[in-house]
Amino acid sequence: PGWPIPFSKRSEYFSCLEQFYLDTDGAGKEEILRARITADIIVDLNSTKEDENEKGKIFNDLQEALNAASEGDTIFLEKGCYYREEGFNISCRCSILGASTRGCILVSKG
């Protein structure tokens, strides 16, 4: 029958889309900046305790940010590898946006 052809094309399209996300940051610079500005919480692995105290909603640990999040908050992740051995615990409904599709990596063994 003729159904295998559309399925093989769909696979090819998804492969191209995946490669696009691997080769680019996924969104334009303006869109990433807008997401950062409108976020309720920012997670930046390079932030210091002074940044956190001064600006309030900046964390250098994703789990700390998840603990501080309230219902409906948006958490923005700067580029980096976010690793937690025991897994990430999310206690409320929140959105997590990244600065890049290839530069924000979440790793969990939990």
C-alpha atoms as a PDB file:
ATOM      1  CA  PRO A   1       0.000   0.000   0.000  1.00  0.00           C
ATOM      2  CA  GLY A   2       0.924   3.667  -0.250  1.00  0.00           C
ATOM      3  CA  TRP A   3       1.166   4.437   3.496  1.00  0.00           C
ATOM      4  CA  PRO A   4       4.924   3.758   4.024  1.00  0.00           C
ATOM      5  CA  ILE A   5       5.939   6.746   1.884  1.00  0.00           C
ATOM      6  CA  PRO A   6       4.322   9.447   4.131  1.00  0.00           C
ATOM      7  CA  PHE A   7       5.785   7.793   7.219  1.00  0.00           C
ATOM      8  CA  SER A   8       9.283   7.721   5.779  1.00  0.00           C
ATOM      9  CA  LYS A   9       8.947  11.405   4.830  1.00  0.00           C
ATOM     10  CA  ARG A  10       7.720  12.249   8.349  1.00  0.00           C
ATOM     11  CA  SER A  11      10.795  10.560   9.790  1.00  0.00           C
ATOM     12  CA  GLU A  12      12.981  12.557   7.431  1.00  0.00           C
ATOM     13  CA  TYR A  13      11.267  15.826   8.463  1.00  0.00           C
ATOM     14  CA  PHE A  14      11.710  15.072  12.178  1.00  0.00           C
ATOM     15  CA  SER A  15      15.352  14.259  11.551  1.00  0.00           C
ATOM     16  CA  CYS A  16      15.828  17.642   9.842  1.00  0.00           C
ATOM     17  CA  LEU A  17      14.036  19.408  12.713  1.00  0.00           C
ATOM     18  CA  GLU A  18      16.208  17.634  15.284  1.00  0.00           C
ATOM     19  CA  GLN A  19      19.343  18.626  13.363  1.00  0.00           C
ATOM     20  CA  PHE A  20      18.120  22.236  13.223  1.00  0.00           C
ATOM     21  CA  TYR A  21      17.763  22.318  17.022  1.00  0.00           C
ATOM     22  CA  LEU A  22      21.201  20.759  17.451  1.00  0.00           C
ATOM     23  CA  ASP A  23      22.819  23.256  15.077  1.00  0.00           C
ATOM     24  CA  THR A  24      21.141  26.408  16.425  1.00  0.00           C
ATOM     25  CA  ASP A  25      20.038  27.866  19.743  1.00  0.00           C
ATOM     26  CA  GLY A  26      16.446  27.162  18.705  1.00  0.00           C
ATOM     27  CA  ALA A  27      15.094  30.694  19.032  1.00  0.00           C
ATOM     28  CA  GLY A  28      16.170  34.131  17.966  1.00  0.00           C
ATOM     29  CA  LYS A  29      18.191  36.377  20.276  1.00  0.00           C
ATOM     30  CA  GLU A  30      15.220  38.708  20.771  1.00  0.00           C
ATOM     31  CA  GLU A  31      12.948  35.854  21.810  1.00  0.00           C
ATOM     32  CA  ILE A  32      15.549  34.534  24.275  1.00  0.00           C
ATOM     33  CA  LEU A  33      16.038  38.025  25.734  1.00  0.00           C
ATOM     34  CA  ARG A  34      12.258  38.476  26.084  1.00  0.00           C
ATOM     35  CA  ALA A  35      11.993  35.138  27.895  1.00  0.00           C
ATOM     36  CA  ARG A  36      14.813  36.128  30.268  1.00  0.00           C
ATOM     37  CA  ILE A  37      13.255  39.521  31.045  1.00  0.00           C
ATOM     38  CA  THR A  38       9.757  38.161  31.668  1.00  0.00           C
ATOM     39  CA  ALA A  39      10.877  35.163  33.753  1.00  0.00           C
ATOM     40  CA  ASP A  40       9.942  35.081  37.440  1.00  0.00           C
ATOM     41  CA  ILE A  41      13.132  33.193  38.351  1.00  0.00           C
ATOM     42  CA  ILE A  42      16.510  32.993  36.586  1.00  0.00           C
ATOM     43  CA  VAL A  43      18.982  30.165  37.097  1.00  0.00           C
ATOM     44  CA  ASP A  44      22.559  31.056  36.175  1.00  0.00           C
ATOM     45  CA  LEU A  45      25.359  28.658  37.107  1.00  0.00           C
ATOM     46  CA  ASN A  46      27.788  31.598  37.111  1.00  0.00           C
ATOM     47  CA  SER A  47      25.820  33.755  39.560  1.00  0.00           C
ATOM     48  CA  THR A  48      27.211  34.471  42.995  1.00  0.00           C
ATOM     49  CA  LYS A  49      25.494  34.734  46.370  1.00  0.00           C
ATOM     50  CA  GLU A  50      25.793  38.526  46.023  1.00  0.00           C
ATOM     51  CA  ASP A  51      23.813  38.357  42.755  1.00  0.00           C
ATOM     52  CA  GLU A  52      21.187  36.243  44.482  1.00  0.00           C
ATOM     53  CA  ASN A  53      20.907  38.606  47.461  1.00  0.00           C
ATOM     54  CA  GLU A  54      20.973  41.744  45.331  1.00  0.00           C
ATOM     55  CA  LYS A  55      18.543  40.714  42.610  1.00  0.00           C
ATOM     56  CA  GLY A  56      16.332  38.348  44.592  1.00  0.00           C
ATOM     57  CA  LYS A  57      15.159  35.826  42.038  1.00  0.00           C
ATOM     58  CA  ILE A  58      18.510  34.669  40.630  1.00  0.00           C
ATOM     59  CA  PHE A  59      19.792  31.252  41.681  1.00  0.00           C
ATOM     60  CA  ASN A  60      22.861  29.216  40.737  1.00  0.00           C
ATOM     61  CA  ASP A  61      21.158  25.894  41.553  1.00  0.00           C
ATOM     62  CA  LEU A  62      18.123  24.610  39.657  1.00  0.00           C
ATOM     63  CA  GLN A  63      16.720  22.707  42.642  1.00  0.00           C
ATOM     64  CA  GLU A  64      16.846  25.854  44.804  1.00  0.00           C
ATOM     65  CA  ALA A  65      14.951  27.706  42.075  1.00  0.00           C
ATOM     66  CA  LEU A  66      12.361  24.916  41.875  1.00  0.00           C
ATOM     67  CA  ASN A  67      11.941  25.078  45.654  1.00  0.00           C
ATOM     68  CA  ALA A  68      11.398  28.860  45.494  1.00  0.00           C
ATOM     69  CA  ALA A  69       8.964  28.698  42.566  1.00  0.00           C
ATOM     70  CA  SER A  70       5.296  29.425  43.073  1.00  0.00           C
ATOM     71  CA  GLU A  71       2.319  28.168  41.121  1.00  0.00           C
ATOM     72  CA  GLY A  72       2.514  29.461  37.519  1.00  0.00           C
ATOM     73  CA  ASP A  73       6.064  30.850  37.717  1.00  0.00           C
ATOM     74  CA  THR A  74       8.421  30.781  34.746  1.00  0.00           C
ATOM     75  CA  ILE A  75      11.997  29.657  35.383  1.00  0.00           C
ATOM     76  CA  PHE A  76      14.615  30.721  32.850  1.00  0.00           C
ATOM     77  CA  LEU A  77      17.792  28.629  32.559  1.00  0.00           C
ATOM     78  CA  GLU A  78      20.980  30.230  31.303  1.00  0.00           C
ATOM     79  CA  LYS A  79      23.227  27.982  29.213  1.00  0.00           C
ATOM     80  CA  GLY A  80      24.871  25.232  31.223  1.00  0.00           C
ATOM     81  CA  CYS A  81      24.665  21.646  32.428  1.00  0.00           C
ATOM     82  CA  TYR A  82      22.263  21.204  35.321  1.00  0.00           C
ATOM     83  CA  TYR A  83      23.018  17.934  37.101  1.00  0.00           C
ATOM     84  CA  ARG A  84      21.400  16.399  40.175  1.00  0.00           C
ATOM     85  CA  GLU A  85      22.171  12.859  41.260  1.00  0.00           C
ATOM     86  CA  GLU A  86      18.875  12.233  43.060  1.00  0.00           C
ATOM     87  CA  GLY A  87      16.665  13.927  40.480  1.00  0.00           C
ATOM     88  CA  PHE A  88      14.843  17.240  40.412  1.00  0.00           C
ATOM     89  CA  ASN A  89      11.766  17.722  42.624  1.00  0.00           C
ATOM     90  CA  ILE A  90       9.017  19.970  41.320  1.00  0.00           C
ATOM     91  CA  SER A  91       6.310  20.856  43.844  1.00  0.00           C
ATOM     92  CA  CYS A  92       4.157  23.219  41.780  1.00  0.00           C
ATOM     93  CA  ARG A  93       3.119  23.890  38.213  1.00  0.00           C
ATOM     94  CA  CYS A  94       5.804  26.006  36.581  1.00  0.00           C
ATOM     95  CA  SER A  95       7.356  26.497  33.164  1.00  0.00           C
ATOM     96  CA  ILE A  96      11.044  25.968  32.510  1.00  0.00           C
ATOM     97  CA  LEU A  97      12.549  27.806  29.541  1.00  0.00           C
ATOM     98  CA  GLY A  98      16.149  27.591  28.395  1.00  0.00           C
ATOM     99  CA  ALA A  99      18.476  30.072  26.738  1.00  0.00           C
ATOM    100  CA  SER A 100      19.310  27.446  24.138  1.00  0.00           C
ATOM    101  CA  THR A 101      18.088  24.097  22.848  1.00  0.00           C
ATOM    102  CA  ARG A 102      21.631  22.802  22.709  1.00  0.00           C
ATOM    103  CA  GLY A 103      23.245  24.762  25.546  1.00  0.00           C
ATOM    104  CA  CYS A 104      20.866  23.905  28.405  1.00  0.00           C
ATOM    105  CA  ILE A 105      21.318  20.333  29.506  1.00  0.00           C
ATOM    106  CA  LEU A 106      19.375  18.666  32.327  1.00  0.00           C
ATOM    107  CA  VAL A 107      20.895  15.464  33.705  1.00  0.00           C
ATOM    108  CA  SER A 108      19.317  13.398  36.455  1.00  0.00           C
ATOM    109  CA  LYS A 109      19.863   9.862  37.653  1.00  0.00           C
ATOM    110  CA  GLY A 110      16.865   9.958  39.998  1.00  0.00           C
END
